[in-house]
């Protein structure tokens, strides 16, 4: 996984509105009108958030008539999970260090 993309995705997910959008989309596909009702934001604000989530591959969009329908990109979330696993599964070294600090 691209480290810069990973960091940008985490930053986006730390935003409460973007995080809430992803929580809503984890259960089912939603159109913009449904997201607007649940989030209580303006349409331009929602568009801004959705564009950023789409650019970061966190959501996918499907046009249907005049509405956009959004889905969580579960492959991207799986990649984020896999990236985090390397830290959980890492074994700290137990060998001597070159540290000369006296504490």
PDB file of N, CA and C in Angstrom:
ATOM      1  N   UNK A   1       0.841  -1.181   0.000  1.00  0.00           N
ATOM      2  CA  UNK A   1       0.000   0.000   0.000  1.00  0.00           C
ATOM      3  C   UNK A   1       0.882   1.238   0.000  1.00  0.00           C
ATOM      4  N   UNK A   2       0.479   2.220  -0.754  1.00  0.00           N
ATOM      5  CA  UNK A   2       1.176   3.492  -0.812  1.00  0.00           C
ATOM      6  C   UNK A   2       1.033   4.205   0.534  1.00  0.00           C
ATOM      7  N   UNK A   3       2.166   4.481   1.170  1.00  0.00           N
ATOM      8  CA  UNK A   3       2.156   5.074   2.508  1.00  0.00           C
ATOM      9  C   UNK A   3       1.472   6.440   2.516  1.00  0.00           C
ATOM     10  N   UNK A   4       1.706   7.268   1.512  1.00  0.00           N
ATOM     11  CA  UNK A   4       1.084   8.585   1.462  1.00  0.00           C
ATOM     12  C   UNK A   4      -0.437   8.467   1.337  1.00  0.00           C
ATOM     13  N   UNK A   5      -0.901   7.555   0.496  1.00  0.00           N
ATOM     14  CA  UNK A   5      -2.342   7.332   0.364  1.00  0.00           C
ATOM     15  C   UNK A   5      -2.928   6.882   1.699  1.00  0.00           C
ATOM     16  N   UNK A   6      -2.255   5.959   2.353  1.00  0.00           N
ATOM     17  CA  UNK A   6      -2.695   5.466   3.657  1.00  0.00           C
ATOM     18  C   UNK A   6      -2.855   6.622   4.647  1.00  0.00           C
ATOM     19  N   UNK A   7      -1.868   7.496   4.716  1.00  0.00           N
ATOM     20  CA  UNK A   7      -1.922   8.621   5.648  1.00  0.00           C
ATOM     21  C   UNK A   7      -3.031   9.601   5.283  1.00  0.00           C
ATOM     22  N   UNK A   8      -3.237   9.839   4.001  1.00  0.00           N
ATOM     23  CA  UNK A   8      -4.318  10.729   3.566  1.00  0.00           C
ATOM     24  C   UNK A   8      -5.686  10.109   3.884  1.00  0.00           C
ATOM     25  N   UNK A   9      -5.794   8.790   3.748  1.00  0.00           N
ATOM     26  CA  UNK A   9      -7.051   8.115   4.084  1.00  0.00           C
ATOM     27  C   UNK A   9      -7.334   8.238   5.581  1.00  0.00           C
ATOM     28  N   UNK A  10      -6.314   8.031   6.401  1.00  0.00           N
ATOM     29  CA  UNK A  10      -6.510   8.155   7.852  1.00  0.00           C
ATOM     30  C   UNK A  10      -6.918   9.571   8.241  1.00  0.00           C
ATOM     31  N   UNK A  11      -6.295  10.550   7.603  1.00  0.00           N
ATOM     32  CA  UNK A  11      -6.652  11.937   7.894  1.00  0.00           C
ATOM     33  C   UNK A  11      -8.112  12.205   7.533  1.00  0.00           C
ATOM     34  N   UNK A  12      -8.539  11.709   6.381  1.00  0.00           N
ATOM     35  CA  UNK A  12      -9.932  11.889   5.968  1.00  0.00           C
ATOM     36  C   UNK A  12     -10.879  11.212   6.953  1.00  0.00           C
ATOM     37  N   UNK A  13     -10.532  10.014   7.396  1.00  0.00           N
ATOM     38  CA  UNK A  13     -11.401   9.277   8.308  1.00  0.00           C
ATOM     39  C   UNK A  13     -11.433   9.875   9.711  1.00  0.00           C
ATOM     40  N   UNK A  14     -10.464  10.727  10.019  1.00  0.00           N
ATOM     41  CA  UNK A  14     -10.474  11.370  11.334  1.00  0.00           C
ATOM     42  C   UNK A  14     -11.463  12.534  11.384  1.00  0.00           C
ATOM     43  N   UNK A  15     -11.944  12.966  10.227  1.00  0.00           N
ATOM     44  CA  UNK A  15     -12.966  14.014  10.179  1.00  0.00           C
ATOM     45  C   UNK A  15     -14.304  13.401  10.589  1.00  0.00           C
ATOM     46  N   UNK A  16     -14.989  13.976  11.569  1.00  0.00           N
ATOM     47  CA  UNK A  16     -16.238  13.379  12.054  1.00  0.00           C
ATOM     48  C   UNK A  16     -17.305  13.169  10.971  1.00  0.00           C
ATOM     49  N   UNK A  17     -17.444  14.103  10.051  1.00  0.00           N
ATOM     50  CA  UNK A  17     -18.465  13.952   9.011  1.00  0.00           C
ATOM     51  C   UNK A  17     -18.104  12.829   8.048  1.00  0.00           C
ATOM     52  N   UNK A  18     -16.859  12.779   7.619  1.00  0.00           N
ATOM     53  CA  UNK A  18     -16.435  11.719   6.701  1.00  0.00           C
ATOM     54  C   UNK A  18     -16.517  10.349   7.379  1.00  0.00           C
ATOM     55  N   UNK A  19     -16.173  10.316   8.653  1.00  0.00           N
ATOM     56  CA  UNK A  19     -16.267   9.069   9.409  1.00  0.00           C
ATOM     57  C   UNK A  19     -17.722   8.605   9.495  1.00  0.00           C
ATOM     58  N   UNK A  20     -18.625   9.536   9.760  1.00  0.00           N
ATOM     59  CA  UNK A  20     -20.049   9.206   9.839  1.00  0.00           C
ATOM     60  C   UNK A  20     -20.561   8.700   8.491  1.00  0.00           C
ATOM     61  N   UNK A  21     -20.123   9.309   7.404  1.00  0.00           N
ATOM     62  CA  UNK A  21     -20.517   8.852   6.063  1.00  0.00           C
ATOM     63  C   UNK A  21     -20.106   7.397   5.875  1.00  0.00           C
ATOM     64  N   UNK A  22     -18.884   7.065   6.244  1.00  0.00           N
ATOM     65  CA  UNK A  22     -18.411   5.682   6.086  1.00  0.00           C
ATOM     66  C   UNK A  22     -19.191   4.732   6.980  1.00  0.00           C
ATOM     67  N   UNK A  23     -19.536   5.168   8.180  1.00  0.00           N
ATOM     68  CA  UNK A  23     -20.354   4.324   9.060  1.00  0.00           C
ATOM     69  C   UNK A  23     -21.720   4.053   8.436  1.00  0.00           C
ATOM     70  N   UNK A  24     -22.316   5.075   7.839  1.00  0.00           N
ATOM     71  CA  UNK A  24     -23.621   4.891   7.202  1.00  0.00           C
ATOM     72  C   UNK A  24     -23.525   3.958   5.994  1.00  0.00           C
ATOM     73  N   UNK A  25     -22.428   4.052   5.256  1.00  0.00           N
ATOM     74  CA  UNK A  25     -22.289   3.253   4.035  1.00  0.00           C
ATOM     75  C   UNK A  25     -21.835   1.817   4.291  1.00  0.00           C
ATOM     76  N   UNK A  26     -21.404   1.507   5.495  1.00  0.00           N
ATOM     77  CA  UNK A  26     -20.928   0.140   5.739  1.00  0.00           C
ATOM     78  C   UNK A  26     -22.065  -0.877   5.683  1.00  0.00           C
ATOM     79  N   UNK A  27     -23.284  -0.419   5.891  1.00  0.00           N
ATOM     80  CA  UNK A  27     -24.432  -1.323   5.883  1.00  0.00           C
ATOM     81  C   UNK A  27     -25.076  -1.471   4.510  1.00  0.00           C
ATOM     82  N   UNK A  28     -25.133  -0.336   3.750  1.00  0.00           N
ATOM     83  CA  UNK A  28     -25.816  -0.394   2.460  1.00  0.00           C
ATOM     84  C   UNK A  28     -25.447   0.807   1.611  1.00  0.00           C
ATOM     85  N   UNK A  29     -25.743   0.694   0.340  1.00  0.00           N
ATOM     86  CA  UNK A  29     -25.573   1.791  -0.599  1.00  0.00           C
ATOM     87  C   UNK A  29     -26.602   2.870  -0.279  1.00  0.00           C
ATOM     88  N   UNK A  30     -26.172   4.124  -0.352  1.00  0.00           N
ATOM     89  CA  UNK A  30     -27.079   5.230  -0.087  1.00  0.00           C
ATOM     90  C   UNK A  30     -26.938   6.289  -1.170  1.00  0.00           C
ATOM     91  N   UNK A  31     -28.049   6.923  -1.480  1.00  0.00           N
ATOM     92  CA  UNK A  31     -27.991   8.040  -2.428  1.00  0.00           C
ATOM     93  C   UNK A  31     -27.671   9.311  -1.645  1.00  0.00           C
ATOM     94  N   UNK A  32     -27.287  10.319  -2.374  1.00  0.00           N
ATOM     95  CA  UNK A  32     -26.928  11.584  -1.736  1.00  0.00           C
ATOM     96  C   UNK A  32     -28.078  12.134  -0.902  1.00  0.00           C
ATOM     97  N   UNK A  33     -29.305  11.964  -1.375  1.00  0.00           N
ATOM     98  CA  UNK A  33     -30.453  12.501  -0.627  1.00  0.00           C
ATOM     99  C   UNK A  33     -30.582  11.831   0.741  1.00  0.00           C
ATOM    100  N   UNK A  34     -30.296  10.534   0.820  1.00  0.00           N
ATOM    101  CA  UNK A  34     -30.367   9.827   2.109  1.00  0.00           C
ATOM    102  C   UNK A  34     -29.248  10.285   3.036  1.00  0.00           C
ATOM    103  N   UNK A  35     -28.065  10.470   2.478  1.00  0.00           N
ATOM    104  CA  UNK A  35     -26.952  10.958   3.291  1.00  0.00           C
ATOM    105  C   UNK A  35     -27.242  12.357   3.818  1.00  0.00           C
ATOM    106  N   UNK A  36     -27.830  13.186   2.981  1.00  0.00           N
ATOM    107  CA  UNK A  36     -28.166  14.545   3.412  1.00  0.00           C
ATOM    108  C   UNK A  36     -29.110  14.534   4.613  1.00  0.00           C
ATOM    109  N   UNK A  37     -30.079  13.635   4.617  1.00  0.00           N
ATOM    110  CA  UNK A  37     -31.028  13.540   5.731  1.00  0.00           C
ATOM    111  C   UNK A  37     -30.341  13.116   7.020  1.00  0.00           C
ATOM    112  N   UNK A  38     -29.420  12.159   6.914  1.00  0.00           N
ATOM    113  CA  UNK A  38     -28.756  11.638   8.109  1.00  0.00           C
ATOM    114  C   UNK A  38     -27.676  12.566   8.653  1.00  0.00           C
ATOM    115  N   UNK A  39     -27.056  13.350   7.781  1.00  0.00           N
ATOM    116  CA  UNK A  39     -25.909  14.158   8.192  1.00  0.00           C
ATOM    117  C   UNK A  39     -26.249  15.591   8.564  1.00  0.00           C
ATOM    118  N   UNK A  40     -27.360  16.091   8.077  1.00  0.00           N
ATOM    119  CA  UNK A  40     -27.761  17.471   8.356  1.00  0.00           C
ATOM    120  C   UNK A  40     -26.689  18.471   7.910  1.00  0.00           C
ATOM    121  N   UNK A  41     -26.192  18.268   6.689  1.00  0.00           N
ATOM    122  CA  UNK A  41     -25.260  19.206   6.067  1.00  0.00           C
ATOM    123  C   UNK A  41     -25.884  19.680   4.756  1.00  0.00           C
ATOM    124  N   UNK A  42     -25.323  20.712   4.196  1.00  0.00           N
ATOM    125  CA  UNK A  42     -25.835  21.210   2.914  1.00  0.00           C
ATOM    126  C   UNK A  42     -25.351  20.311   1.782  1.00  0.00           C
ATOM    127  N   UNK A  43     -26.013  20.402   0.651  1.00  0.00           N
ATOM    128  CA  UNK A  43     -25.633  19.597  -0.509  1.00  0.00           C
ATOM    129  C   UNK A  43     -24.207  19.919  -0.972  1.00  0.00           C
ATOM    130  N   UNK A  44     -23.796  21.208  -1.045  1.00  0.00           N
ATOM    131  CA  UNK A  44     -22.410  21.487  -1.436  1.00  0.00           C
ATOM    132  C   UNK A  44     -21.380  20.899  -0.460  1.00  0.00           C
ATOM    133  N   UNK A  45     -21.705  20.936   0.834  1.00  0.00           N
ATOM    134  CA  UNK A  45     -20.798  20.353   1.835  1.00  0.00           C
ATOM    135  C   UNK A  45     -20.693  18.844   1.648  1.00  0.00           C
ATOM    136  N   UNK A  46     -21.823  18.192   1.425  1.00  0.00           N
ATOM    137  CA  UNK A  46     -21.806  16.751   1.187  1.00  0.00           C
ATOM    138  C   UNK A  46     -20.990  16.432  -0.065  1.00  0.00           C
ATOM    139  N   UNK A  47     -21.186  17.195  -1.123  1.00  0.00           N
ATOM    140  CA  UNK A  47     -20.435  16.969  -2.360  1.00  0.00           C
ATOM    141  C   UNK A  47     -18.935  17.064  -2.131  1.00  0.00           C
ATOM    142  N   UNK A  48     -18.531  18.035  -1.326  1.00  0.00           N
ATOM    143  CA  UNK A  48     -17.105  18.192  -1.003  1.00  0.00           C
ATOM    144  C   UNK A  48     -16.568  16.947  -0.285  1.00  0.00           C
ATOM    145  N   UNK A  49     -17.286  16.494   0.723  1.00  0.00           N
ATOM    146  CA  UNK A  49     -16.863  15.310   1.476  1.00  0.00           C
ATOM    147  C   UNK A  49     -16.820  14.068   0.576  1.00  0.00           C
ATOM    148  N   UNK A  50     -17.851  13.904  -0.244  1.00  0.00           N
ATOM    149  CA  UNK A  50     -17.922  12.711  -1.091  1.00  0.00           C
ATOM    150  C   UNK A  50     -16.826  12.714  -2.148  1.00  0.00           C
ATOM    151  N   UNK A  51     -16.511  13.871  -2.690  1.00  0.00           N
ATOM    152  CA  UNK A  51     -15.443  13.970  -3.683  1.00  0.00           C
ATOM    153  C   UNK A  51     -14.116  13.564  -3.072  1.00  0.00           C
ATOM    154  N   UNK A  52     -13.853  14.011  -1.868  1.00  0.00           N
ATOM    155  CA  UNK A  52     -12.605  13.650  -1.203  1.00  0.00           C
ATOM    156  C   UNK A  52     -12.555  12.149  -0.907  1.00  0.00           C
ATOM    157  N   UNK A  53     -13.661  11.587  -0.400  1.00  0.00           N
ATOM    158  CA  UNK A  53     -13.695  10.147  -0.112  1.00  0.00           C
ATOM    159  C   UNK A  53     -13.544   9.325  -1.394  1.00  0.00           C
ATOM    160  N   UNK A  54     -14.130   9.806  -2.474  1.00  0.00           N
ATOM    161  CA  UNK A  54     -14.003   9.112  -3.752  1.00  0.00           C
ATOM    162  C   UNK A  54     -12.572   9.217  -4.283  1.00  0.00           C
ATOM    163  N   UNK A  55     -11.969  10.400  -4.205  1.00  0.00           N
ATOM    164  CA  UNK A  55     -10.590  10.583  -4.669  1.00  0.00           C
ATOM    165  C   UNK A  55      -9.615   9.700  -3.904  1.00  0.00           C
ATOM    166  N   UNK A  56      -9.922   9.410  -2.653  1.00  0.00           N
ATOM    167  CA  UNK A  56      -9.062   8.560  -1.820  1.00  0.00           C
ATOM    168  C   UNK A  56      -9.440   7.080  -1.911  1.00  0.00           C
ATOM    169  N   UNK A  57     -10.365   6.759  -2.807  1.00  0.00           N
ATOM    170  CA  UNK A  57     -10.820   5.376  -3.036  1.00  0.00           C
ATOM    171  C   UNK A  57     -11.505   4.759  -1.826  1.00  0.00           C
ATOM    172  N   UNK A  58     -12.054   5.587  -0.949  1.00  0.00           N
ATOM    173  CA  UNK A  58     -12.768   5.059   0.210  1.00  0.00           C
ATOM    174  C   UNK A  58     -14.225   4.770  -0.108  1.00  0.00           C
ATOM    175  N   UNK A  59     -14.776   5.463  -1.101  1.00  0.00           N
ATOM    176  CA  UNK A  59     -16.133   5.194  -1.559  1.00  0.00           C
ATOM    177  C   UNK A  59     -16.136   5.114  -3.081  1.00  0.00           C
ATOM    178  N   UNK A  60     -17.145   4.445  -3.596  1.00  0.00           N
ATOM    179  CA  UNK A  60     -17.381   4.415  -5.038  1.00  0.00           C
ATOM    180  C   UNK A  60     -18.725   5.075  -5.289  1.00  0.00           C
ATOM    181  N   UNK A  61     -18.888   5.599  -6.491  1.00  0.00           N
ATOM    182  CA  UNK A  61     -20.131   6.302  -6.829  1.00  0.00           C
ATOM    183  C   UNK A  61     -20.705   5.712  -8.107  1.00  0.00           C
ATOM    184  N   UNK A  62     -22.027   5.590  -8.100  1.00  0.00           N
ATOM    185  CA  UNK A  62     -22.760   5.101  -9.275  1.00  0.00           C
ATOM    186  C   UNK A  62     -23.864   6.103  -9.551  1.00  0.00           C
ATOM    187  N   UNK A  63     -23.840   6.648 -10.761  1.00  0.00           N
ATOM    188  CA  UNK A  63     -24.888   7.606 -11.151  1.00  0.00           C
ATOM    189  C   UNK A  63     -26.142   6.860 -11.552  1.00  0.00           C
ATOM    190  N   UNK A  64     -27.278   7.313 -11.057  1.00  0.00           N
ATOM    191  CA  UNK A  64     -28.565   6.753 -11.441  1.00  0.00           C
ATOM    192  C   UNK A  64     -29.525   7.927 -11.610  1.00  0.00           C
ATOM    193  N   UNK A  65     -29.768   8.284 -12.848  1.00  0.00           N
ATOM    194  CA  UNK A  65     -30.590   9.461 -13.118  1.00  0.00           C
ATOM    195  C   UNK A  65     -29.850  10.705 -12.671  1.00  0.00           C
ATOM    196  N   UNK A  66     -30.516  11.487 -11.849  1.00  0.00           N
ATOM    197  CA  UNK A  66     -29.888  12.713 -11.354  1.00  0.00           C
ATOM    198  C   UNK A  66     -29.193  12.520 -10.003  1.00  0.00           C
ATOM    199  N   UNK A  67     -29.295  11.322  -9.431  1.00  0.00           N
ATOM    200  CA  UNK A  67     -28.726  11.065  -8.109  1.00  0.00           C
ATOM    201  C   UNK A  67     -27.457  10.233  -8.194  1.00  0.00           C
ATOM    202  N   UNK A  68     -26.582  10.471  -7.241  1.00  0.00           N
ATOM    203  CA  UNK A  68     -25.396   9.644  -7.067  1.00  0.00           C
ATOM    204  C   UNK A  68     -25.674   8.660  -5.936  1.00  0.00           C
ATOM    205  N   UNK A  69     -25.341   7.410  -6.170  1.00  0.00           N
ATOM    206  CA  UNK A  69     -25.455   6.369  -5.140  1.00  0.00           C
ATOM    207  C   UNK A  69     -24.043   5.977  -4.723  1.00  0.00           C
ATOM    208  N   UNK A  70     -23.808   5.955  -3.430  1.00  0.00           N
ATOM    209  CA  UNK A  70     -22.472   5.737  -2.895  1.00  0.00           C
ATOM    210  C   UNK A  70     -22.390   4.391  -2.179  1.00  0.00           C
ATOM    211  N   UNK A  71     -21.220   3.776  -2.310  1.00  0.00           N
ATOM    212  CA  UNK A  71     -20.907   2.524  -1.621  1.00  0.00           C
ATOM    213  C   UNK A  71     -19.549   2.665  -0.962  1.00  0.00           C
ATOM    214  N   UNK A  72     -19.382   1.974   0.145  1.00  0.00           N
ATOM    215  CA  UNK A  72     -18.074   1.883   0.773  1.00  0.00           C
ATOM    216  C   UNK A  72     -17.195   1.012  -0.108  1.00  0.00           C
ATOM    217  N   UNK A  73     -15.973   1.424  -0.335  1.00  0.00           N
ATOM    218  CA  UNK A  73     -15.025   0.613  -1.091  1.00  0.00           C
ATOM    219  C   UNK A  73     -14.334  -0.324  -0.105  1.00  0.00           C
ATOM    220  N   UNK A  74     -14.911  -1.495   0.052  1.00  0.00           N
ATOM    221  CA  UNK A  74     -14.415  -2.431   1.072  1.00  0.00           C
ATOM    222  C   UNK A  74     -13.006  -2.917   0.778  1.00  0.00           C
ATOM    223  N   UNK A  75     -12.601  -2.925  -0.490  1.00  0.00           N
ATOM    224  CA  UNK A  75     -11.224  -3.311  -0.825  1.00  0.00           C
ATOM    225  C   UNK A  75     -10.226  -2.321  -0.225  1.00  0.00           C
ATOM    226  N   UNK A  76     -10.556  -1.047  -0.250  1.00  0.00           N
ATOM    227  CA  UNK A  76      -9.663  -0.043   0.338  1.00  0.00           C
ATOM    228  C   UNK A  76      -9.575  -0.201   1.858  1.00  0.00           C
ATOM    229  N   UNK A  77     -10.711  -0.487   2.484  1.00  0.00           N
ATOM    230  CA  UNK A  77     -10.686  -0.691   3.931  1.00  0.00           C
ATOM    231  C   UNK A  77      -9.936  -1.967   4.299  1.00  0.00           C
ATOM    232  N   UNK A  78     -10.020  -2.979   3.460  1.00  0.00           N
ATOM    233  CA  UNK A  78      -9.245  -4.199   3.680  1.00  0.00           C
ATOM    234  C   UNK A  78      -7.747  -3.904   3.564  1.00  0.00           C
ATOM    235  N   UNK A  79      -7.366  -3.060   2.611  1.00  0.00           N
ATOM    236  CA  UNK A  79      -5.958  -2.692   2.445  1.00  0.00           C
ATOM    237  C   UNK A  79      -5.464  -1.894   3.653  1.00  0.00           C
ATOM    238  N   UNK A  80      -6.314  -1.010   4.179  1.00  0.00           N
ATOM    239  CA  UNK A  80      -5.948  -0.254   5.387  1.00  0.00           C
ATOM    240  C   UNK A  80      -5.753  -1.213   6.554  1.00  0.00           C
ATOM    241  N   UNK A  81      -6.657  -2.156   6.685  1.00  0.00           N
ATOM    242  CA  UNK A  81      -6.559  -3.171   7.753  1.00  0.00           C
ATOM    243  C   UNK A  81      -5.256  -3.969   7.615  1.00  0.00           C
ATOM    244  N   UNK A  82      -4.960  -4.406   6.404  1.00  0.00           N
ATOM    245  CA  UNK A  82      -3.733  -5.177   6.173  1.00  0.00           C
ATOM    246  C   UNK A  82      -2.494  -4.352   6.502  1.00  0.00           C
ATOM    247  N   UNK A  83      -2.526  -3.077   6.168  1.00  0.00           N
ATOM    248  CA  UNK A  83      -1.387  -2.206   6.467  1.00  0.00           C
ATOM    249  C   UNK A  83      -1.179  -2.101   7.974  1.00  0.00           C
ATOM    250  N   UNK A  84      -2.288  -1.941   8.737  1.00  0.00           N
ATOM    251  CA  UNK A  84      -2.197  -1.838  10.194  1.00  0.00           C
ATOM    252  C   UNK A  84      -1.692  -3.127  10.825  1.00  0.00           C
ATOM    253  N   UNK A  85      -2.026  -4.266  10.211  1.00  0.00           N
ATOM    254  CA  UNK A  85      -1.622  -5.561  10.787  1.00  0.00           C
ATOM    255  C   UNK A  85      -0.113  -5.674  10.932  1.00  0.00           C
ATOM    256  N   UNK A  86       0.639  -5.029  10.050  1.00  0.00           N
ATOM    257  CA  UNK A  86       2.088  -5.133  10.150  1.00  0.00           C
ATOM    258  C   UNK A  86       2.608  -4.583  11.476  1.00  0.00           C
ATOM    259  N   UNK A  87       1.911  -3.615  12.049  1.00  0.00           N
ATOM    260  CA  UNK A  87       2.328  -3.054  13.330  1.00  0.00           C
ATOM    261  C   UNK A  87       1.917  -3.953  14.488  1.00  0.00           C
ATOM    262  N   UNK A  88       0.763  -4.579  14.352  1.00  0.00           N
ATOM    263  CA  UNK A  88       0.276  -5.474  15.395  1.00  0.00           C
ATOM    264  C   UNK A  88       1.131  -6.738  15.450  1.00  0.00           C
ATOM    265  N   UNK A  89       1.516  -7.215  14.283  1.00  0.00           N
ATOM    266  CA  UNK A  89       2.253  -8.475  14.205  1.00  0.00           C
ATOM    267  C   UNK A  89       3.761  -8.303  14.304  1.00  0.00           C
ATOM    268  N   UNK A  90       4.247  -7.081  14.355  1.00  0.00           N
ATOM    269  CA  UNK A  90       5.687  -6.832  14.422  1.00  0.00           C
ATOM    270  C   UNK A  90       6.248  -7.324  15.750  1.00  0.00           C
ATOM    271  N   UNK A  91       7.415  -7.931  15.683  1.00  0.00           N
ATOM    272  CA  UNK A  91       8.112  -8.395  16.876  1.00  0.00           C
ATOM    273  C   UNK A  91       9.269  -7.454  17.138  1.00  0.00           C
ATOM    274  N   UNK A  92       9.263  -6.774  18.274  1.00  0.00           N
ATOM    275  CA  UNK A  92      10.362  -5.849  18.557  1.00  0.00           C
ATOM    276  C   UNK A  92      11.679  -6.607  18.665  1.00  0.00           C
ATOM    277  N   UNK A  93      12.735  -5.977  18.197  1.00  0.00           N
ATOM    278  CA  UNK A  93      14.055  -6.596  18.302  1.00  0.00           C
ATOM    279  C   UNK A  93      14.478  -6.720  19.746  1.00  0.00           C
ATOM    280  N   UNK A  94      15.208  -7.786  20.052  1.00  0.00           N
ATOM    281  CA  UNK A  94      15.636  -7.981  21.439  1.00  0.00           C
ATOM    282  C   UNK A  94      17.150  -7.917  21.577  1.00  0.00           C
ATOM    283  N   UNK A  95      17.822  -7.578  20.479  1.00  0.00           N
ATOM    284  CA  UNK A  95      19.288  -7.519  20.508  1.00  0.00           C
ATOM    285  C   UNK A  95      19.782  -6.253  21.151  1.00  0.00           C
ATOM    286  N   UNK A  96      21.112  -6.172  21.322  1.00  0.00           N
ATOM    287  CA  UNK A  96      21.710  -4.979  21.934  1.00  0.00           C
ATOM    288  C   UNK A  96      21.522  -3.760  21.039  1.00  0.00           C
ATOM    289  N   UNK A  97      21.483  -2.618  21.656  1.00  0.00           N
ATOM    290  CA  UNK A  97      21.371  -1.372  20.902  1.00  0.00           C
ATOM    291  C   UNK A  97      22.688  -0.630  20.992  1.00  0.00           C
ATOM    292  N   UNK A  98      22.829   0.371  20.185  1.00  0.00           N
ATOM    293  CA  UNK A  98      24.031   1.212  20.205  1.00  0.00           C
ATOM    294  C   UNK A  98      23.801   2.486  21.003  1.00  0.00           C
ATOM    295  N   UNK A  99      22.745   2.506  21.757  1.00  0.00           N
ATOM    296  CA  UNK A  99      22.392   3.702  22.525  1.00  0.00           C
ATOM    297  C   UNK A  99      23.381   3.886  23.670  1.00  0.00           C
ATOM    298  N   UNK A 100      23.940   5.088  23.771  1.00  0.00           N
ATOM    299  CA  UNK A 100      24.925   5.399  24.824  1.00  0.00           C
ATOM    300  C   UNK A 100      24.312   6.234  25.936  1.00  0.00           C
ATOM    301  N   UNK A 101      23.006   6.473  25.809  1.00  0.00           N
ATOM    302  CA  UNK A 101      22.323   7.323  26.778  1.00  0.00           C
ATOM    303  C   UNK A 101      22.299   6.660  28.151  1.00  0.00           C
ATOM    304  N   UNK A 102      22.568   7.467  29.188  1.00  0.00           N
ATOM    305  CA  UNK A 102      22.501   6.965  30.565  1.00  0.00           C
ATOM    306  C   UNK A 102      21.317   7.624  31.225  1.00  0.00           C
ATOM    307  N   UNK A 103      20.434   6.829  31.671  1.00  0.00           N
ATOM    308  CA  UNK A 103      19.236   7.367  32.325  1.00  0.00           C
ATOM    309  C   UNK A 103      19.219   6.965  33.761  1.00  0.00           C
TER     310      UNK A 103
END
